[in-house]
């Protein structure tokens, strides 16, 4: 077979892959590899087998090649096959013996050589080291070693900021505190053309900054414009990007502006009804507003379209929680956590359903599990404190509120609860200090959500016989 024929067959394989004709791709890639025995053609054949879901065969082909231990792409694809086969220990073994420190820096790179295939590709590529680090993180998470998973996800995004999946796992898995998220973003080496990406990532992490800071971030991204050299005209902006608007909706929810959040997510879901991150925020807003009919419709659609996703059964649990059928809501929150043990809302919902019926021991058990699984989420610790406060164990409640404050020092709700505890312990000066700190941390203008805080502050001042108490009550009455 002449070289021109072989090159044409390679083109056929690439075309078959682009058209998702994987059996055809496997057939022709096999013939090319048989004729040439070229490592690049063997890799192409393995890639076609992987895409055709012949994971065991693809792994055997790669493992039989002596180049697998010398070329990172061979090793990575072999590890991806083992990932699909759920052979996690073997997957880690295939990826080598590199180590990572607590900051996500790779400290032992003897297995990470620089031998690659297709080095002359014109497209911008994600660093293969980053992809390997990310796969290591997934393997450790599957083995329930979330400490190592967190370190390798950090290593992945530090190796290449374009590895969005690593950041997504860190954020959605609540693996980092507010401070850790900020520090991680500050260490990322963005290219000169990636300023927009740095801003976008800052919007994806926890958003408890002041309103003007967050709104500025959103405004900068919305005004980010793409130009072409050919026309010199603006092609698009990120103003109507669904991911960005979903971030904004999440921010509204954190600020307690539930109606505003619900209206925005409703618009987004009309445009993209299967955007699951937006769906989660929409469910949370509907819960706060008591929109049981919306929750019922959302739950029905999600269960029909995604019966194996935790989010679907979480939505069912939200509906039953909203109509105060807590036993049923617990059942579905539990099902959500059994489908995905790393789905934080499921665990928190499960605990809240017990707490709603004052079943404190079971609620605390769920919250403790959530606190252990999600060290970057302060809500489980906050809710444990609330349970202790409900049983008048004020010292214990204060300890857990302080822990929540360490994890997320910018959430005003934490300071409000500390103020309530101090008030109950008759430490009125401390209560005033915490309530004032609460109001100082409210990111937007005061809404109805913070009216109890103003009233609590007034009562604490009254106990201290401050004349200012009248002004607090007056302010609350006028709002």
Protein backbone atom coordinates (compact mmCIF):
# COMPACT_ATOMS: atom_id res chain seq x y z
CA UNK A 1 0.00 0.00 0.00
CA UNK A 2 1.45 3.32 -1.11
CA UNK A 3 1.99 6.23 1.26
CA UNK A 4 -0.67 8.31 -0.55
CA UNK A 5 -3.26 5.55 0.04
CA UNK A 6 -2.31 5.27 3.69
CA UNK A 7 -2.64 9.03 4.18
CA UNK A 8 -6.07 8.95 2.53
CA UNK A 9 -7.15 6.15 4.88
CA UNK A 10 -5.97 8.21 7.83
CA UNK A 11 -8.20 10.99 6.55
CA UNK A 12 -11.08 8.51 6.30
CA UNK A 13 -10.55 7.49 9.93
CA UNK A 14 -10.56 11.12 11.09
CA UNK A 15 -13.72 11.79 9.06
CA UNK A 16 -15.45 8.70 10.49
CA UNK A 17 -14.64 9.90 14.00
CA UNK A 18 -16.00 13.38 13.27
CA UNK A 19 -19.22 11.78 11.94
CA UNK A 20 -19.40 9.39 14.93
CA UNK A 21 -19.09 6.33 12.67
CA UNK A 22 -16.89 4.55 15.16
CA UNK A 23 -17.14 1.01 13.74
CA UNK A 24 -15.96 2.32 10.39
CA UNK A 25 -13.18 4.27 12.10
CA UNK A 26 -12.05 1.13 13.95
CA UNK A 27 -12.08 -0.92 10.71
CA UNK A 28 -9.92 1.47 8.71
CA UNK A 29 -7.63 2.44 11.62
CA UNK A 30 -6.90 -1.26 12.14
CA UNK A 31 -5.77 -1.61 8.51
CA UNK A 32 -3.58 1.49 8.64
CA UNK A 33 -1.89 0.35 11.86
CA UNK A 34 -1.35 -3.17 10.45
CA UNK A 35 0.41 -1.77 7.38
CA UNK A 36 2.58 0.88 9.08
CA UNK A 37 3.07 -0.27 12.72
CA UNK A 38 3.64 3.44 13.33
CA UNK A 39 3.03 4.51 16.98
CA UNK A 40 0.84 7.39 15.79
CA UNK A 41 -1.35 4.96 13.83
CA UNK A 42 -1.55 2.55 16.76
CA UNK A 43 -2.66 5.49 18.91
CA UNK A 44 -5.28 6.43 16.29
CA UNK A 45 -6.60 2.85 16.32
CA UNK A 46 -6.76 2.83 20.13
CA UNK A 47 -8.54 6.18 20.08
CA UNK A 48 -11.15 4.79 17.67
CA UNK A 49 -11.63 1.72 19.89
CA UNK A 50 -12.03 3.95 22.94
CA UNK A 51 -14.64 6.13 21.21
CA UNK A 52 -16.45 2.97 20.09
CA UNK A 53 -16.56 1.87 23.76
CA UNK A 54 -14.27 -1.11 23.24
CA UNK A 55 -12.34 -0.19 26.36
CA UNK A 56 -10.83 -3.58 27.14
CA UNK A 57 -9.62 -4.05 23.57
CA UNK A 58 -8.21 -0.51 23.40
CA UNK A 59 -6.34 -1.04 26.68
CA UNK A 60 -4.92 -4.35 25.46
CA UNK A 61 -3.70 -2.72 22.25
CA UNK A 62 -2.02 0.12 24.14
CA UNK A 63 -0.57 -2.09 26.83
CA UNK A 64 0.90 -4.43 24.24
CA UNK A 65 2.81 -1.53 22.72
CA UNK A 66 6.22 -0.94 24.28
CA UNK A 67 5.78 2.79 23.80
CA UNK A 68 2.94 2.98 26.35
CA UNK A 69 5.30 3.67 29.27
CA UNK A 70 7.38 6.20 27.31
CA UNK A 71 4.66 8.34 25.71
CA UNK A 72 2.31 10.24 27.99
CA UNK A 73 -0.56 10.16 25.51
CA UNK A 74 -0.42 6.38 25.27
CA UNK A 75 -0.35 6.14 29.05
CA UNK A 76 -3.17 8.66 29.45
CA UNK A 77 -5.44 6.89 26.96
CA UNK A 78 -4.71 3.54 28.61
CA UNK A 79 -5.65 5.07 31.98
CA UNK A 80 -8.85 6.49 30.45
CA UNK A 81 -9.77 2.94 29.38
CA UNK A 82 -9.22 1.74 32.93
CA UNK A 83 -11.36 4.64 34.17
CA UNK A 84 -14.26 3.44 32.01
CA UNK A 85 -13.71 -0.09 33.31
CA UNK A 86 -13.83 1.30 36.90
CA UNK A 87 -10.43 -0.27 37.66
CA UNK A 88 -9.29 2.70 39.70
CA UNK A 89 -6.20 1.24 41.36
CA UNK A 90 -4.89 0.04 37.99
CA UNK A 91 -5.71 3.47 36.55
CA UNK A 92 -3.51 5.17 39.17
CA UNK A 93 -0.76 2.62 38.57
CA UNK A 94 -0.82 3.35 34.84
CA UNK A 95 -0.53 7.11 35.48
CA UNK A 96 2.76 6.69 37.34
CA UNK A 97 4.23 7.62 40.71
CA UNK A 98 4.19 11.42 40.71
CA UNK A 99 3.48 13.19 44.01
CA UNK A 100 1.77 16.46 44.82
CA UNK A 101 2.13 18.84 47.77
CA UNK A 102 -0.64 20.55 49.71
CA UNK A 103 -0.62 23.54 47.35
CA UNK A 104 -1.18 21.45 44.23
CA UNK A 105 2.44 21.55 43.03
CA UNK A 106 3.77 18.35 41.47
CA UNK A 107 6.92 17.42 43.40
CA UNK A 108 7.99 14.19 41.66
CA UNK A 109 7.83 14.26 37.88
CA UNK A 110 10.18 11.45 36.85
CA UNK A 111 7.35 9.70 34.98
CA UNK A 112 6.22 12.89 33.21
CA UNK A 113 8.56 13.07 30.23
CA UNK A 114 8.05 15.27 27.21
CA UNK A 115 7.42 12.67 24.49
CA UNK A 116 4.21 13.50 22.57
CA UNK A 117 2.46 12.61 19.37
CA UNK A 118 1.05 15.24 16.99
CA UNK A 119 3.27 17.99 18.40
CA UNK A 120 2.65 20.17 15.36
CA UNK A 121 -1.10 20.54 15.93
CA UNK A 122 -2.18 24.10 15.14
CA UNK A 123 -5.00 24.20 17.69
CA UNK A 124 -4.35 25.30 21.24
CA UNK A 125 -4.15 22.21 23.43
CA UNK A 126 -4.64 21.56 27.12
CA UNK A 127 -1.39 20.41 28.71
CA UNK A 128 -1.27 16.59 28.88
CA UNK A 129 0.14 16.87 32.44
CA UNK A 130 -3.01 18.75 33.43
CA UNK A 131 -5.24 16.04 31.95
CA UNK A 132 -3.26 13.34 33.78
CA UNK A 133 -3.53 15.23 37.09
CA UNK A 134 -7.28 15.58 36.59
CA UNK A 135 -7.69 11.86 35.90
CA UNK A 136 -5.68 11.11 39.05
CA UNK A 137 -8.11 13.30 40.98
CA UNK A 138 -11.11 11.44 39.55
CA UNK A 139 -9.55 8.09 40.45
CA UNK A 140 -8.87 9.17 44.04
CA UNK A 141 -12.38 10.58 44.36
CA UNK A 142 -13.85 7.29 43.08
CA UNK A 143 -11.75 5.53 45.76
CA UNK A 144 -13.28 7.97 48.31
CA UNK A 145 -9.93 9.62 49.03
CA UNK A 146 -11.20 13.16 48.68
CA UNK A 147 -8.10 14.68 50.29
CA UNK A 148 -5.85 13.38 47.51
CA UNK A 149 -8.53 14.12 44.90
CA UNK A 150 -8.57 17.77 46.00
CA UNK A 151 -4.79 18.05 45.69
CA UNK A 152 -4.70 16.54 42.21
CA UNK A 153 -7.58 18.72 40.97
CA UNK A 154 -5.59 21.73 42.19
CA UNK A 155 -2.52 20.39 40.40
CA UNK A 156 -4.55 19.94 37.20
CA UNK A 157 -5.78 23.51 36.99
CA UNK A 158 -2.40 24.92 38.07
CA UNK A 159 -0.75 22.91 35.28
CA UNK A 160 -3.16 24.46 32.78
CA UNK A 161 -5.92 27.00 33.64
CA UNK A 162 -7.86 25.78 30.59
CA UNK A 163 -8.67 22.55 32.46
CA UNK A 164 -12.09 23.84 33.52
CA UNK A 165 -13.25 20.40 34.68
CA UNK A 166 -10.74 20.47 37.53
CA UNK A 167 -12.07 23.80 38.82
CA UNK A 168 -15.64 22.55 38.38
CA UNK A 169 -14.91 19.50 40.56
CA UNK A 170 -13.32 21.68 43.24
CA UNK A 171 -16.19 24.19 43.27
CA UNK A 172 -19.16 21.84 42.85
CA UNK A 173 -17.61 19.34 45.27
CA UNK A 174 -17.12 22.11 47.88
CA UNK A 175 -13.51 21.01 48.34
CA UNK A 176 -12.06 24.45 49.07
CA UNK A 177 -12.90 27.22 51.51
CA UNK A 178 -13.51 30.78 50.30
CA UNK A 179 -9.92 31.74 51.11
CA UNK A 180 -8.50 28.64 49.40
CA UNK A 181 -10.52 29.35 46.25
CA UNK A 182 -9.26 32.93 46.15
CA UNK A 183 -5.65 31.84 46.72
CA UNK A 184 -5.88 29.16 44.02
CA UNK A 185 -7.19 31.60 41.41
CA UNK A 186 -4.40 34.02 42.30
CA UNK A 187 -1.76 31.37 41.51
CA UNK A 188 -3.08 30.42 38.06
CA UNK A 189 -0.86 31.42 35.14
CA UNK A 190 -3.32 32.78 32.58
CA UNK A 191 -2.11 33.72 29.11
CA UNK A 192 -2.32 37.34 27.92
CA UNK A 193 -5.42 36.46 25.86
CA UNK A 194 -7.16 34.77 28.83
CA UNK A 195 -8.12 37.80 30.91
CA UNK A 196 -11.79 37.03 30.34
CA UNK A 197 -11.27 33.47 31.65
CA UNK A 198 -9.71 34.72 34.87
CA UNK A 199 -12.75 36.97 35.43
CA UNK A 200 -15.13 34.13 34.56
CA UNK A 201 -13.49 31.77 37.04
CA UNK A 202 -13.77 34.42 39.76
CA UNK A 203 -17.53 34.45 39.12
CA UNK A 204 -17.78 30.66 39.40
CA UNK A 205 -16.40 30.45 42.94
CA UNK A 206 -18.18 31.48 46.14
CA UNK A 207 -19.75 34.92 45.75
CA UNK A 208 -20.02 36.57 49.17
CA UNK A 209 -18.21 39.79 48.22
CA UNK A 210 -19.85 43.19 48.40
CA UNK A 211 -22.49 43.89 45.74
CA UNK A 212 -20.39 46.46 43.87
CA UNK A 213 -17.42 44.02 43.64
CA UNK A 214 -19.49 41.14 42.25
CA UNK A 215 -21.53 43.35 39.93
CA UNK A 216 -18.31 44.82 38.53
CA UNK A 217 -17.06 41.32 37.72
CA UNK A 218 -20.28 40.50 35.90
CA UNK A 219 -20.28 43.81 34.05
CA UNK A 220 -16.70 43.31 32.85
CA UNK A 221 -17.53 39.87 31.52
CA UNK A 222 -20.76 40.99 29.87
CA UNK A 223 -18.81 43.67 28.02
CA UNK A 224 -16.12 41.20 26.88
CA UNK A 225 -16.20 41.45 23.07
CA UNK A 226 -14.90 39.13 20.39
CA UNK A 227 -13.58 40.67 17.17
CA UNK A 228 -12.54 39.29 13.80
CA UNK A 229 -9.68 40.63 11.77
CA UNK A 230 -11.70 40.16 8.62
CA UNK A 231 -14.59 42.45 9.42
CA UNK A 232 -13.31 44.43 12.40
CA UNK A 233 -16.84 44.22 13.80
CA UNK A 234 -17.99 42.83 17.11
CA UNK A 235 -19.18 39.27 16.73
CA UNK A 236 -20.51 38.59 20.19
CA UNK A 237 -20.34 39.37 23.87
CA UNK A 238 -20.83 37.16 26.91
CA UNK A 239 -23.80 39.26 28.02
CA UNK A 240 -26.35 36.56 27.22
CA UNK A 241 -24.16 33.57 27.99
CA UNK A 242 -26.16 31.01 29.95
CA UNK A 243 -23.27 29.97 32.22
CA UNK A 244 -22.59 33.57 33.19
CA UNK A 245 -26.26 34.34 33.83
CA UNK A 246 -26.58 31.16 35.90
CA UNK A 247 -23.70 32.49 38.05
CA UNK A 248 -25.56 35.75 38.43
CA UNK A 249 -28.73 33.88 39.46
CA UNK A 250 -26.71 31.99 42.08
CA UNK A 251 -25.44 35.31 43.39
CA UNK A 252 -29.02 36.65 43.68
CA UNK A 253 -29.93 33.53 45.64
CA UNK A 254 -27.01 34.02 48.04
CA UNK A 255 -28.13 37.63 48.56
CA UNK A 256 -31.64 36.45 49.48
CA UNK A 257 -33.17 38.05 46.36
CA UNK A 258 -35.16 34.92 45.60
CA UNK A 259 -37.76 36.49 43.31
CA UNK A 260 -35.07 38.12 41.20
CA UNK A 261 -33.20 34.81 41.08
CA UNK A 262 -36.34 32.87 40.10
CA UNK A 263 -37.21 35.29 37.31
CA UNK A 264 -33.72 35.05 35.84
CA UNK A 265 -33.53 31.24 36.02
CA UNK A 266 -37.01 31.00 34.46
CA UNK A 267 -35.79 33.01 31.47
CA UNK A 268 -32.61 30.93 31.21
CA UNK A 269 -34.47 27.62 31.35
CA UNK A 270 -36.78 28.72 28.56
CA UNK A 271 -33.68 29.28 26.47
CA UNK A 272 -31.80 26.18 27.65
CA UNK A 273 -34.16 23.82 29.54
CA UNK A 274 -31.45 21.21 30.15
CA UNK A 275 -28.86 23.47 31.81
CA UNK A 276 -28.56 21.47 35.04
CA UNK A 277 -26.58 24.01 37.09
CA UNK A 278 -29.21 26.62 36.37
CA UNK A 279 -31.89 24.03 37.19
CA UNK A 280 -30.43 23.53 40.67
CA UNK A 281 -30.51 27.27 41.41
CA UNK A 282 -34.06 27.44 40.01
CA UNK A 283 -35.19 24.66 42.37
CA UNK A 284 -33.58 26.43 45.35
CA UNK A 285 -35.32 29.72 44.51
CA UNK A 286 -38.69 27.98 43.95
CA UNK A 287 -38.29 26.31 47.36
CA UNK A 288 -37.70 29.63 49.11
CA UNK A 289 -40.69 31.20 47.37
CA UNK A 290 -42.98 28.22 48.05
CA UNK A 291 -43.72 27.59 44.36
CA UNK A 292 -44.86 23.98 44.79
CA UNK A 293 -46.47 23.73 41.34
CA UNK A 294 -43.21 24.75 39.65
CA UNK A 295 -41.30 22.24 41.76
CA UNK A 296 -43.75 19.48 40.79
CA UNK A 297 -43.41 20.20 37.07
CA UNK A 298 -39.62 20.45 37.28
CA UNK A 299 -39.39 17.20 39.23
CA UNK A 300 -41.58 15.32 36.73
CA UNK A 301 -39.51 16.52 33.77
CA UNK A 302 -36.18 15.79 35.44
CA UNK A 303 -37.16 12.26 36.48
CA UNK A 304 -38.34 11.58 32.93
CA UNK A 305 -35.21 13.00 31.25
CA UNK A 306 -32.53 12.11 33.83
CA UNK A 307 -33.72 9.16 35.96
CA UNK A 308 -30.15 8.28 37.00
CA UNK A 309 -29.14 11.78 38.15
CA UNK A 310 -29.20 12.81 41.79
CA UNK A 311 -30.59 16.22 40.81
CA UNK A 312 -33.84 14.64 39.54
CA UNK A 313 -34.68 12.94 42.81
CA UNK A 314 -33.49 15.96 44.77
CA UNK A 315 -36.15 17.94 42.86
CA UNK A 316 -38.80 15.42 43.96
CA UNK A 317 -37.58 15.81 47.54
CA UNK A 318 -37.82 19.61 47.21
CA UNK A 319 -41.45 19.33 46.09
CA UNK A 320 -42.45 17.20 49.08
CA UNK A 321 -40.47 19.42 51.44
CA UNK A 322 -42.27 22.47 50.05
CA UNK A 323 -45.71 20.94 50.74
CA UNK A 324 -44.49 19.87 54.20
CA UNK A 325 -44.55 16.11 53.57
CA UNK A 326 -41.19 15.62 55.21
CA UNK A 327 -41.21 11.81 55.36
CA UNK A 328 -41.54 11.59 51.57
CA UNK A 329 -39.01 14.37 51.06
CA UNK A 330 -36.47 12.45 53.18
CA UNK A 331 -36.97 9.34 51.07
CA UNK A 332 -36.13 11.20 47.86
CA UNK A 333 -33.26 13.21 49.31
CA UNK A 334 -31.84 9.89 50.49
CA UNK A 335 -32.24 8.45 46.98
CA UNK A 336 -30.36 11.44 45.57
CA UNK A 337 -27.42 10.82 47.93
CA UNK A 338 -27.42 7.08 47.13
CA UNK A 339 -27.12 7.88 43.41
CA UNK A 340 -24.36 10.42 44.00
CA UNK A 341 -22.73 10.52 47.41
CA UNK A 342 -20.93 13.75 46.48
CA UNK A 343 -24.16 15.69 45.77
CA UNK A 344 -24.06 18.26 48.59
CA UNK A 345 -27.64 19.62 48.24
CA UNK A 346 -28.99 16.09 48.74
CA UNK A 347 -27.25 15.69 52.10
CA UNK A 348 -28.28 19.14 53.30
CA UNK A 349 -31.87 18.58 52.16
CA UNK A 350 -31.87 15.22 53.94
CA UNK A 351 -30.76 16.87 57.18
CA UNK A 352 -33.23 19.75 56.80
CA UNK A 353 -36.13 17.31 56.36
CA UNK A 354 -35.26 15.70 59.70
CA UNK A 355 -34.74 19.11 61.33
CA UNK A 356 -38.17 20.26 60.11
CA UNK A 357 -39.71 17.54 62.30
CA UNK A 358 -37.32 18.27 65.18
CA UNK A 359 -35.59 14.91 64.80
CA UNK A 360 -32.28 16.36 65.87
CA UNK A 361 -30.10 13.25 66.07
CA UNK A 362 -30.84 12.15 62.50
CA UNK A 363 -30.48 15.73 61.23
CA UNK A 364 -27.10 16.06 62.94
CA UNK A 365 -25.95 12.76 61.43
CA UNK A 366 -26.74 14.01 57.91
CA UNK A 367 -25.09 17.37 58.54
CA UNK A 368 -21.96 15.71 59.96
CA UNK A 369 -21.68 13.51 56.89
CA UNK A 370 -22.01 16.59 54.69
CA UNK A 371 -19.41 18.49 56.76
CA UNK A 372 -16.97 15.59 56.37
CA UNK A 373 -17.55 15.19 52.62
CA UNK A 374 -17.60 18.91 51.78
CA UNK A 375 -14.97 20.76 53.85
CA UNK A 376 -15.37 23.85 51.67
CA UNK A 377 -19.10 24.19 52.42
CA UNK A 378 -19.94 26.01 55.63
CA UNK A 379 -23.67 25.22 55.58
CA UNK A 380 -23.54 21.77 57.26
CA UNK A 381 -21.52 23.20 60.16
CA UNK A 382 -23.89 26.17 60.34
CA UNK A 383 -26.92 23.85 60.51
CA UNK A 384 -25.27 21.73 63.22
CA UNK A 385 -24.92 24.93 65.24
CA UNK A 386 -28.59 25.74 64.64
CA UNK A 387 -29.58 22.30 65.94
CA UNK A 388 -27.53 22.83 69.09
CA UNK A 389 -29.10 26.25 69.52
CA UNK A 390 -32.58 24.71 69.19
CA UNK A 391 -31.77 22.45 72.15
CA UNK A 392 -30.31 25.43 74.10
CA UNK A 393 -26.74 24.07 73.94
CA UNK A 394 -25.48 27.57 73.29
CA UNK A 395 -21.76 26.99 73.91
CA UNK A 396 -21.68 24.09 71.45
CA UNK A 397 -23.72 26.11 68.97
CA UNK A 398 -21.23 28.96 69.21
CA UNK A 399 -18.32 26.58 68.53
CA UNK A 400 -19.90 25.31 65.32
CA UNK A 401 -20.85 28.80 64.17
CA UNK A 402 -17.22 29.84 64.65
CA UNK A 403 -16.13 26.84 62.56
CA UNK A 404 -18.56 27.90 59.82
CA UNK A 405 -17.14 31.43 60.02
CA UNK A 406 -13.62 30.07 59.42
CA UNK A 407 -14.76 28.19 56.31
CA UNK A 408 -16.73 31.13 54.92
CA UNK A 409 -15.91 34.39 56.73
CA UNK A 410 -18.03 36.51 54.40
CA UNK A 411 -21.51 34.96 54.84
CA UNK A 412 -23.63 37.37 56.92
CA UNK A 413 -25.94 34.55 58.07
CA UNK A 414 -23.11 33.08 60.15
CA UNK A 415 -22.63 36.38 62.02
CA UNK A 416 -26.37 36.65 62.58
CA UNK A 417 -26.44 33.23 64.27
CA UNK A 418 -23.45 34.17 66.42
CA UNK A 419 -25.36 37.27 67.48
CA UNK A 420 -28.43 35.21 68.40
CA UNK A 421 -26.30 32.82 70.49
CA UNK A 422 -24.62 35.72 72.28
CA UNK A 423 -28.04 37.26 73.00
CA UNK A 424 -29.32 34.00 74.49
CA UNK A 425 -26.22 33.81 76.69
CA UNK A 426 -26.98 37.39 77.84
CA UNK A 427 -23.73 38.68 76.31
CA UNK A 428 -25.46 41.73 74.85
CA UNK A 429 -22.37 43.72 73.89
CA UNK A 430 -21.07 40.75 71.93
CA UNK A 431 -24.53 40.28 70.38
CA UNK A 432 -24.57 43.91 69.21
CA UNK A 433 -21.10 43.45 67.73
CA UNK A 434 -22.14 40.33 65.80
CA UNK A 435 -25.41 41.85 64.53
CA UNK A 436 -23.58 44.96 63.32
CA UNK A 437 -21.05 42.73 61.62
CA UNK A 438 -23.94 40.87 59.97
CA UNK A 439 -25.33 44.05 58.46
CA UNK A 440 -21.83 45.11 57.37
CA UNK A 441 -21.45 41.84 55.44
CA UNK A 442 -24.82 41.99 53.67
CA UNK A 443 -23.69 42.18 50.02
CA UNK A 444 -26.65 44.15 48.68
CA UNK A 445 -29.09 46.70 50.05
CA UNK A 446 -31.09 45.44 53.03
CA UNK A 447 -34.03 43.24 52.02
CA UNK A 448 -36.81 41.59 54.03
CA UNK A 449 -34.47 38.67 54.69
CA UNK A 450 -32.40 40.82 57.06
CA UNK A 451 -35.30 42.46 58.92
CA UNK A 452 -34.97 39.99 61.85
CA UNK A 453 -31.31 40.98 62.21
CA UNK A 454 -32.22 44.66 62.57
CA UNK A 455 -34.89 43.74 65.15
CA UNK A 456 -32.41 41.52 67.01
CA UNK A 457 -29.90 44.37 67.05
CA UNK A 458 -32.55 46.68 68.46
CA UNK A 459 -33.39 44.22 71.24
CA UNK A 460 -29.71 43.84 72.14
CA UNK A 461 -29.33 47.61 72.27
CA UNK A 462 -32.48 47.83 74.37
CA UNK A 463 -30.91 45.45 76.88
CA UNK A 464 -27.93 47.79 77.02
CA UNK A 465 -30.33 50.73 77.41
CA UNK A 466 -29.07 52.47 74.28
CA UNK A 467 -31.17 55.33 72.92
CA UNK A 468 -30.17 54.13 69.41
CA UNK A 469 -32.66 51.30 69.81
CA UNK A 470 -35.47 53.64 68.76
CA UNK A 471 -33.71 54.40 65.49
CA UNK A 472 -33.30 50.67 64.75
CA UNK A 473 -36.98 49.95 65.30
CA UNK A 474 -37.91 53.05 63.28
CA UNK A 475 -35.66 51.97 60.39
CA UNK A 476 -37.17 48.49 60.41
CA UNK A 477 -40.73 49.84 60.52
CA UNK A 478 -40.14 52.25 57.64
CA UNK A 479 -38.58 49.54 55.41
